[in-house]
């Protein structure tokens, strides 16, 4: 797994992917930080974290789109599958490489907190709660994007399908609000990424939500492993 991880981290930084991803992420978040916090005189970073959530829906698929689809397109997939590394190690190596990039991106929140602390009091426990939430959401989103990347050799298709899939997860709340059947509405809210995420932004630590995001990441990584197990023996 370590070799795959180092290879993917190197690939991110030797190509333009890491720089484009980080630059776009920072530019959007910086804009809302300046407008909401510096210009608005607020020390509450909840708005910035909510922006990170929305930005992640569109940028994470761009980060994960090449991780497996490029291997298939360049005909290096078979070499990867026959390498002396377990399929789980291959999937997790790529997963943690993408997660590392995401951690680098969202850690800008601590820089924002330090800037705001120069002008007033920052509720650091709330910042940490928000940071944990956005990491959990990102971890789940990356696993979904990785799974979609394993299904196609077309990077554009992988990115588009990833964005659509993550938007569907985000819009579950909208669908639930329009459902009149109580048990179905409850079930949909239980599957809502944003509802679970929003509780963290209010400083509420919910262990069930933590398990939900971790379980989603584990489940989609398992699906990805199964995809390659089928290819290895087909």
C-alpha atoms as a PDB file:
ATOM      1  CA  UNK A   1       0.000   0.000   0.000  1.00  0.00           C
ATOM      2  CA  UNK A   2       2.846   2.378   0.836  1.00  0.00           C
ATOM      3  CA  UNK A   3       4.362   2.102  -2.639  1.00  0.00           C
ATOM      4  CA  UNK A   4       1.004   2.837  -4.286  1.00  0.00           C
ATOM      5  CA  UNK A   5       0.447   5.768  -1.941  1.00  0.00           C
ATOM      6  CA  UNK A   6       3.845   7.327  -2.711  1.00  0.00           C
ATOM      7  CA  UNK A   7       3.355   6.753  -6.424  1.00  0.00           C
ATOM      8  CA  UNK A   8      -0.016   8.533  -6.433  1.00  0.00           C
ATOM      9  CA  UNK A   9       1.169  11.438  -4.289  1.00  0.00           C
ATOM     10  CA  UNK A  10       4.045  11.901  -6.705  1.00  0.00           C
ATOM     11  CA  UNK A  11       1.664  11.716  -9.667  1.00  0.00           C
ATOM     12  CA  UNK A  12      -0.538  14.426  -8.148  1.00  0.00           C
ATOM     13  CA  UNK A  13       2.367  16.849  -7.839  1.00  0.00           C
ATOM     14  CA  UNK A  14       4.209  16.001 -11.058  1.00  0.00           C
ATOM     15  CA  UNK A  15       1.020  16.687 -12.999  1.00  0.00           C
ATOM     16  CA  UNK A  16      -1.127  19.795 -12.734  1.00  0.00           C
ATOM     17  CA  UNK A  17      -3.899  18.067 -10.776  1.00  0.00           C
ATOM     18  CA  UNK A  18      -2.696  18.944  -7.277  1.00  0.00           C
ATOM     19  CA  UNK A  19      -2.000  22.575  -8.132  1.00  0.00           C
ATOM     20  CA  UNK A  20      -5.293  23.116  -9.949  1.00  0.00           C
ATOM     21  CA  UNK A  21      -7.269  21.373  -7.210  1.00  0.00           C
ATOM     22  CA  UNK A  22      -5.640  23.338  -4.390  1.00  0.00           C
ATOM     23  CA  UNK A  23      -5.719  26.678  -6.218  1.00  0.00           C
ATOM     24  CA  UNK A  24      -9.407  26.436  -7.110  1.00  0.00           C
ATOM     25  CA  UNK A  25     -10.303  25.188  -3.638  1.00  0.00           C
ATOM     26  CA  UNK A  26      -8.381  27.990  -1.929  1.00  0.00           C
ATOM     27  CA  UNK A  27      -9.638  30.728  -4.264  1.00  0.00           C
ATOM     28  CA  UNK A  28     -13.290  29.883  -3.645  1.00  0.00           C
ATOM     29  CA  UNK A  29     -12.865  29.443   0.112  1.00  0.00           C
ATOM     30  CA  UNK A  30     -10.741  32.609   0.380  1.00  0.00           C
ATOM     31  CA  UNK A  31     -13.455  34.614  -1.361  1.00  0.00           C
ATOM     32  CA  UNK A  32     -16.139  33.528   1.100  1.00  0.00           C
ATOM     33  CA  UNK A  33     -13.771  33.937   4.058  1.00  0.00           C
ATOM     34  CA  UNK A  34     -13.042  37.535   3.027  1.00  0.00           C
ATOM     35  CA  UNK A  35     -16.681  38.360   2.350  1.00  0.00           C
ATOM     36  CA  UNK A  36     -18.269  36.584   5.323  1.00  0.00           C
ATOM     37  CA  UNK A  37     -15.613  36.934   8.007  1.00  0.00           C
ATOM     38  CA  UNK A  38     -13.179  39.748   7.293  1.00  0.00           C
ATOM     39  CA  UNK A  39     -15.597  42.140   5.569  1.00  0.00           C
ATOM     40  CA  UNK A  40     -18.543  40.965   7.661  1.00  0.00           C
ATOM     41  CA  UNK A  41     -16.651  41.171  10.961  1.00  0.00           C
ATOM     42  CA  UNK A  42     -17.615  37.631  12.005  1.00  0.00           C
ATOM     43  CA  UNK A  43     -15.429  35.084  13.791  1.00  0.00           C
ATOM     44  CA  UNK A  44     -17.806  32.231  12.905  1.00  0.00           C
ATOM     45  CA  UNK A  45     -16.260  29.959  10.261  1.00  0.00           C
ATOM     46  CA  UNK A  46     -19.412  27.853   9.762  1.00  0.00           C
ATOM     47  CA  UNK A  47     -20.090  29.609   6.453  1.00  0.00           C
ATOM     48  CA  UNK A  48     -16.614  28.786   5.173  1.00  0.00           C
ATOM     49  CA  UNK A  49     -17.014  25.137   6.125  1.00  0.00           C
ATOM     50  CA  UNK A  50     -20.400  24.997   4.384  1.00  0.00           C
ATOM     51  CA  UNK A  51     -18.671  26.407   1.305  1.00  0.00           C
ATOM     52  CA  UNK A  52     -16.062  23.649   1.587  1.00  0.00           C
ATOM     53  CA  UNK A  53     -18.873  21.097   1.607  1.00  0.00           C
ATOM     54  CA  UNK A  54     -20.354  22.435  -1.640  1.00  0.00           C
ATOM     55  CA  UNK A  55     -16.942  22.871  -3.279  1.00  0.00           C
ATOM     56  CA  UNK A  56     -16.048  19.285  -2.373  1.00  0.00           C
ATOM     57  CA  UNK A  57     -19.020  17.989  -4.360  1.00  0.00           C
ATOM     58  CA  UNK A  58     -17.551  19.442  -7.549  1.00  0.00           C
ATOM     59  CA  UNK A  59     -13.802  19.173  -6.930  1.00  0.00           C
ATOM     60  CA  UNK A  60     -13.418  15.737  -5.353  1.00  0.00           C
ATOM     61  CA  UNK A  61     -14.585  13.932  -8.541  1.00  0.00           C
ATOM     62  CA  UNK A  62     -11.949  15.925 -10.445  1.00  0.00           C
ATOM     63  CA  UNK A  63      -9.368  14.704  -7.929  1.00  0.00           C
ATOM     64  CA  UNK A  64     -10.400  11.034  -8.139  1.00  0.00           C
ATOM     65  CA  UNK A  65     -11.369  10.766 -11.823  1.00  0.00           C
ATOM     66  CA  UNK A  66      -7.937   9.611 -13.021  1.00  0.00           C
ATOM     67  CA  UNK A  67      -6.988   7.288 -10.173  1.00  0.00           C
ATOM     68  CA  UNK A  68      -8.258   4.127 -11.848  1.00  0.00           C
ATOM     69  CA  UNK A  69      -9.655   5.268 -15.192  1.00  0.00           C
ATOM     70  CA  UNK A  70      -6.201   6.394 -16.327  1.00  0.00           C
ATOM     71  CA  UNK A  71      -4.729   2.986 -15.474  1.00  0.00           C
ATOM     72  CA  UNK A  72      -7.369   1.350 -17.673  1.00  0.00           C
ATOM     73  CA  UNK A  73      -6.932   3.809 -20.536  1.00  0.00           C
ATOM     74  CA  UNK A  74      -3.132   3.516 -20.598  1.00  0.00           C
ATOM     75  CA  UNK A  75      -3.313  -0.299 -20.386  1.00  0.00           C
ATOM     76  CA  UNK A  76      -1.340  -0.355 -17.109  1.00  0.00           C
ATOM     77  CA  UNK A  77      -4.223  -1.856 -15.162  1.00  0.00           C
ATOM     78  CA  UNK A  78      -3.160  -5.469 -15.734  1.00  0.00           C
ATOM     79  CA  UNK A  79       0.336  -4.730 -14.519  1.00  0.00           C
ATOM     80  CA  UNK A  80      -1.144  -3.161 -11.407  1.00  0.00           C
ATOM     81  CA  UNK A  81      -3.456  -6.126 -10.799  1.00  0.00           C
ATOM     82  CA  UNK A  82      -0.594  -8.625 -11.125  1.00  0.00           C
ATOM     83  CA  UNK A  83       1.760  -6.643  -8.889  1.00  0.00           C
ATOM     84  CA  UNK A  84       2.742  -8.215  -5.529  1.00  0.00           C
ATOM     85  CA  UNK A  85       0.262  -5.989  -3.713  1.00  0.00           C
ATOM     86  CA  UNK A  86      -3.184  -6.962  -2.481  1.00  0.00           C
ATOM     87  CA  UNK A  87      -6.179  -5.399  -4.186  1.00  0.00           C
ATOM     88  CA  UNK A  88      -7.136  -3.834  -0.877  1.00  0.00           C
ATOM     89  CA  UNK A  89      -3.664  -2.319  -0.639  1.00  0.00           C
ATOM     90  CA  UNK A  90      -3.957  -0.886  -4.159  1.00  0.00           C
ATOM     91  CA  UNK A  91      -7.354   0.665  -3.463  1.00  0.00           C
ATOM     92  CA  UNK A  92      -6.371   2.041  -0.053  1.00  0.00           C
ATOM     93  CA  UNK A  93      -3.074   3.401  -1.387  1.00  0.00           C
ATOM     94  CA  UNK A  94      -4.932   5.451  -3.976  1.00  0.00           C
ATOM     95  CA  UNK A  95      -7.670   6.362  -1.490  1.00  0.00           C
ATOM     96  CA  UNK A  96      -5.267   7.721   1.135  1.00  0.00           C
ATOM     97  CA  UNK A  97      -3.289   9.614  -1.501  1.00  0.00           C
ATOM     98  CA  UNK A  98      -6.462  11.459  -2.536  1.00  0.00           C
ATOM     99  CA  UNK A  99      -7.427  11.905   1.124  1.00  0.00           C
ATOM    100  CA  UNK A 100      -4.028  13.459   1.842  1.00  0.00           C
ATOM    101  CA  UNK A 101      -4.624  16.023  -0.897  1.00  0.00           C
ATOM    102  CA  UNK A 102      -8.018  16.782   0.606  1.00  0.00           C
ATOM    103  CA  UNK A 103      -6.574  17.181   4.119  1.00  0.00           C
ATOM    104  CA  UNK A 104      -4.043  19.682   2.749  1.00  0.00           C
ATOM    105  CA  UNK A 105      -6.904  21.619   1.151  1.00  0.00           C
ATOM    106  CA  UNK A 106      -9.302  21.816   4.106  1.00  0.00           C
ATOM    107  CA  UNK A 107      -6.540  22.532   6.642  1.00  0.00           C
ATOM    108  CA  UNK A 108      -6.613  26.116   5.351  1.00  0.00           C
ATOM    109  CA  UNK A 109      -9.421  26.501   7.921  1.00  0.00           C
ATOM    110  CA  UNK A 110      -6.811  26.705  10.700  1.00  0.00           C
ATOM    111  CA  UNK A 111      -5.079  29.548   8.871  1.00  0.00           C
ATOM    112  CA  UNK A 112      -8.425  31.359   8.739  1.00  0.00           C
ATOM    113  CA  UNK A 113      -8.875  30.735  12.457  1.00  0.00           C
ATOM    114  CA  UNK A 114      -5.438  32.150  13.265  1.00  0.00           C
ATOM    115  CA  UNK A 115      -6.166  35.261  11.185  1.00  0.00           C
ATOM    116  CA  UNK A 116      -9.476  35.807  12.978  1.00  0.00           C
ATOM    117  CA  UNK A 117      -7.846  35.280  16.372  1.00  0.00           C
ATOM    118  CA  UNK A 118      -5.852  38.468  15.742  1.00  0.00           C
ATOM    119  CA  UNK A 119      -9.095  40.452  15.799  1.00  0.00           C
ATOM    120  CA  UNK A 120     -11.251  38.586  18.288  1.00  0.00           C
ATOM    121  CA  UNK A 121     -12.062  35.343  20.047  1.00  0.00           C
ATOM    122  CA  UNK A 122     -12.368  32.192  17.956  1.00  0.00           C
ATOM    123  CA  UNK A 123     -14.419  29.223  19.189  1.00  0.00           C
ATOM    124  CA  UNK A 124     -11.718  26.642  18.482  1.00  0.00           C
ATOM    125  CA  UNK A 125     -13.800  23.659  19.634  1.00  0.00           C
ATOM    126  CA  UNK A 126     -16.440  24.572  17.045  1.00  0.00           C
ATOM    127  CA  UNK A 127     -13.712  24.951  14.426  1.00  0.00           C
ATOM    128  CA  UNK A 128     -12.382  21.490  15.312  1.00  0.00           C
ATOM    129  CA  UNK A 129     -15.892  20.039  15.154  1.00  0.00           C
ATOM    130  CA  UNK A 130     -16.406  21.581  11.703  1.00  0.00           C
ATOM    131  CA  UNK A 131     -12.977  20.362  10.588  1.00  0.00           C
ATOM    132  CA  UNK A 132     -13.725  16.805  11.697  1.00  0.00           C
ATOM    133  CA  UNK A 133     -17.058  16.941   9.879  1.00  0.00           C
ATOM    134  CA  UNK A 134     -15.584  18.146   6.596  1.00  0.00           C
ATOM    135  CA  UNK A 135     -12.869  15.470   6.798  1.00  0.00           C
ATOM    136  CA  UNK A 136     -15.471  12.747   7.338  1.00  0.00           C
ATOM    137  CA  UNK A 137     -17.574  14.034   4.450  1.00  0.00           C
ATOM    138  CA  UNK A 138     -14.508  14.278   2.212  1.00  0.00           C
ATOM    139  CA  UNK A 139     -13.414  10.755   3.123  1.00  0.00           C
ATOM    140  CA  UNK A 140     -16.825   9.391   2.119  1.00  0.00           C
ATOM    141  CA  UNK A 141     -16.931  11.463  -1.077  1.00  0.00           C
ATOM    142  CA  UNK A 142     -13.453  10.311  -2.120  1.00  0.00           C
ATOM    143  CA  UNK A 143     -14.450   6.652  -1.703  1.00  0.00           C
ATOM    144  CA  UNK A 144     -17.484   7.252  -3.935  1.00  0.00           C
ATOM    145  CA  UNK A 145     -15.343   9.010  -6.549  1.00  0.00           C
ATOM    146  CA  UNK A 146     -12.753   6.236  -6.452  1.00  0.00           C
ATOM    147  CA  UNK A 147     -15.442   3.604  -7.021  1.00  0.00           C
ATOM    148  CA  UNK A 148     -16.826   5.481 -10.030  1.00  0.00           C
ATOM    149  CA  UNK A 149     -13.307   5.897 -11.448  1.00  0.00           C
ATOM    150  CA  UNK A 150     -12.887   2.112 -11.299  1.00  0.00           C
ATOM    151  CA  UNK A 151     -15.900   1.615 -13.579  1.00  0.00           C
ATOM    152  CA  UNK A 152     -14.704   3.521 -16.653  1.00  0.00           C
ATOM    153  CA  UNK A 153     -11.585   4.437 -18.598  1.00  0.00           C
ATOM    154  CA  UNK A 154     -13.003   7.847 -19.523  1.00  0.00           C
ATOM    155  CA  UNK A 155     -11.847  10.462 -17.010  1.00  0.00           C
ATOM    156  CA  UNK A 156     -14.462  13.022 -18.086  1.00  0.00           C
ATOM    157  CA  UNK A 157     -17.221  10.440 -17.628  1.00  0.00           C
ATOM    158  CA  UNK A 158     -15.818   9.519 -14.209  1.00  0.00           C
ATOM    159  CA  UNK A 159     -15.778  13.181 -13.139  1.00  0.00           C
ATOM    160  CA  UNK A 160     -19.294  13.875 -14.461  1.00  0.00           C
ATOM    161  CA  UNK A 161     -20.760  10.734 -12.904  1.00  0.00           C
ATOM    162  CA  UNK A 162     -19.019  11.535  -9.606  1.00  0.00           C
ATOM    163  CA  UNK A 163     -20.455  15.052  -9.496  1.00  0.00           C
ATOM    164  CA  UNK A 164     -23.951  13.781 -10.293  1.00  0.00           C
ATOM    165  CA  UNK A 165     -23.713  11.076  -7.643  1.00  0.00           C
ATOM    166  CA  UNK A 166     -22.478  13.476  -4.942  1.00  0.00           C
ATOM    167  CA  UNK A 167     -25.153  16.015  -5.891  1.00  0.00           C
ATOM    168  CA  UNK A 168     -27.754  13.296  -5.414  1.00  0.00           C
ATOM    169  CA  UNK A 169     -26.395  12.651  -1.917  1.00  0.00           C
ATOM    170  CA  UNK A 170     -26.610  16.387  -1.234  1.00  0.00           C
ATOM    171  CA  UNK A 171     -30.162  16.734  -2.603  1.00  0.00           C
ATOM    172  CA  UNK A 172     -31.583  13.909  -0.491  1.00  0.00           C
ATOM    173  CA  UNK A 173     -32.825  16.598   1.931  1.00  0.00           C
ATOM    174  CA  UNK A 174     -34.789  18.304  -0.834  1.00  0.00           C
ATOM    175  CA  UNK A 175     -36.365  15.011  -1.837  1.00  0.00           C
ATOM    176  CA  UNK A 176     -37.181  14.108   1.778  1.00  0.00           C
ATOM    177  CA  UNK A 177     -38.933  17.445   2.307  1.00  0.00           C
ATOM    178  CA  UNK A 178     -41.291  16.618  -0.561  1.00  0.00           C
ATOM    179  CA  UNK A 179     -42.157  13.114   0.625  1.00  0.00           C
ATOM    180  CA  UNK A 180     -45.372  12.793   2.594  1.00  0.00           C
ATOM    181  CA  UNK A 181     -44.808   9.216   3.829  1.00  0.00           C
ATOM    182  CA  UNK A 182     -43.343   9.616   7.315  1.00  0.00           C
ATOM    183  CA  UNK A 183     -41.223   6.451   7.441  1.00  0.00           C
ATOM    184  CA  UNK A 184     -39.759   7.115   3.989  1.00  0.00           C
ATOM    185  CA  UNK A 185     -39.018  10.722   4.912  1.00  0.00           C
ATOM    186  CA  UNK A 186     -37.239   9.566   8.080  1.00  0.00           C
ATOM    187  CA  UNK A 187     -35.202   7.051   6.075  1.00  0.00           C
ATOM    188  CA  UNK A 188     -34.178   9.687   3.528  1.00  0.00           C
ATOM    189  CA  UNK A 189     -33.117  12.126   6.237  1.00  0.00           C
ATOM    190  CA  UNK A 190     -31.103   9.289   7.764  1.00  0.00           C
ATOM    191  CA  UNK A 191     -29.207   8.982   4.469  1.00  0.00           C
ATOM    192  CA  UNK A 192     -28.658  12.727   4.147  1.00  0.00           C
ATOM    193  CA  UNK A 193     -25.021  13.763   4.093  1.00  0.00           C
ATOM    194  CA  UNK A 194     -25.776  17.431   4.668  1.00  0.00           C
ATOM    195  CA  UNK A 195     -28.149  16.926   7.603  1.00  0.00           C
ATOM    196  CA  UNK A 196     -25.533  14.851   9.408  1.00  0.00           C
ATOM    197  CA  UNK A 197     -22.802  17.317   8.467  1.00  0.00           C
ATOM    198  CA  UNK A 198     -24.832  20.333   9.620  1.00  0.00           C
ATOM    199  CA  UNK A 199     -25.059  18.986  13.181  1.00  0.00           C
ATOM    200  CA  UNK A 200     -21.261  19.201  13.425  1.00  0.00           C
ATOM    201  CA  UNK A 201     -21.279  22.814  12.243  1.00  0.00           C
ATOM    202  CA  UNK A 202     -23.435  23.608  15.277  1.00  0.00           C
ATOM    203  CA  UNK A 203     -20.857  22.034  17.578  1.00  0.00           C
ATOM    204  CA  UNK A 204     -22.869  18.831  18.097  1.00  0.00           C
ATOM    205  CA  UNK A 205     -20.737  15.666  18.107  1.00  0.00           C
ATOM    206  CA  UNK A 206     -22.898  12.763  16.946  1.00  0.00           C
ATOM    207  CA  UNK A 207     -21.197   9.368  17.014  1.00  0.00           C
ATOM    208  CA  UNK A 208     -23.865   7.893  14.703  1.00  0.00           C
ATOM    209  CA  UNK A 209     -22.946  10.456  12.037  1.00  0.00           C
ATOM    210  CA  UNK A 210     -19.249   9.641  12.458  1.00  0.00           C
ATOM    211  CA  UNK A 211     -20.035   5.959  11.936  1.00  0.00           C
ATOM    212  CA  UNK A 212     -22.253   6.824   8.950  1.00  0.00           C
ATOM    213  CA  UNK A 213     -19.474   8.646   7.090  1.00  0.00           C
ATOM    214  CA  UNK A 214     -16.825   6.050   7.972  1.00  0.00           C
ATOM    215  CA  UNK A 215     -19.161   3.215   6.958  1.00  0.00           C
ATOM    216  CA  UNK A 216     -19.860   4.919   3.622  1.00  0.00           C
ATOM    217  CA  UNK A 217     -16.121   5.209   2.936  1.00  0.00           C
ATOM    218  CA  UNK A 218     -15.505   1.579   3.913  1.00  0.00           C
ATOM    219  CA  UNK A 219     -18.458   0.351   1.844  1.00  0.00           C
ATOM    220  CA  UNK A 220     -17.460   2.117  -1.374  1.00  0.00           C
ATOM    221  CA  UNK A 221     -13.813   1.091  -0.985  1.00  0.00           C
ATOM    222  CA  UNK A 222     -15.066  -2.479  -0.596  1.00  0.00           C
ATOM    223  CA  UNK A 223     -17.106  -2.083  -3.789  1.00  0.00           C
ATOM    224  CA  UNK A 224     -13.975  -0.887  -5.593  1.00  0.00           C
ATOM    225  CA  UNK A 225     -12.010  -3.911  -4.400  1.00  0.00           C
ATOM    226  CA  UNK A 226     -14.803  -6.166  -5.631  1.00  0.00           C
ATOM    227  CA  UNK A 227     -14.689  -4.513  -9.069  1.00  0.00           C
ATOM    228  CA  UNK A 228     -11.013  -5.386  -9.411  1.00  0.00           C
ATOM    229  CA  UNK A 229     -11.427  -8.867  -7.984  1.00  0.00           C
ATOM    230  CA  UNK A 230     -13.917  -9.525 -10.787  1.00  0.00           C
ATOM    231  CA  UNK A 231     -11.494  -8.126 -13.378  1.00  0.00           C
ATOM    232  CA  UNK A 232      -8.546 -10.082 -12.024  1.00  0.00           C
ATOM    233  CA  UNK A 233     -10.321 -13.419 -12.480  1.00  0.00           C
ATOM    234  CA  UNK A 234     -12.273 -12.597 -15.645  1.00  0.00           C
END
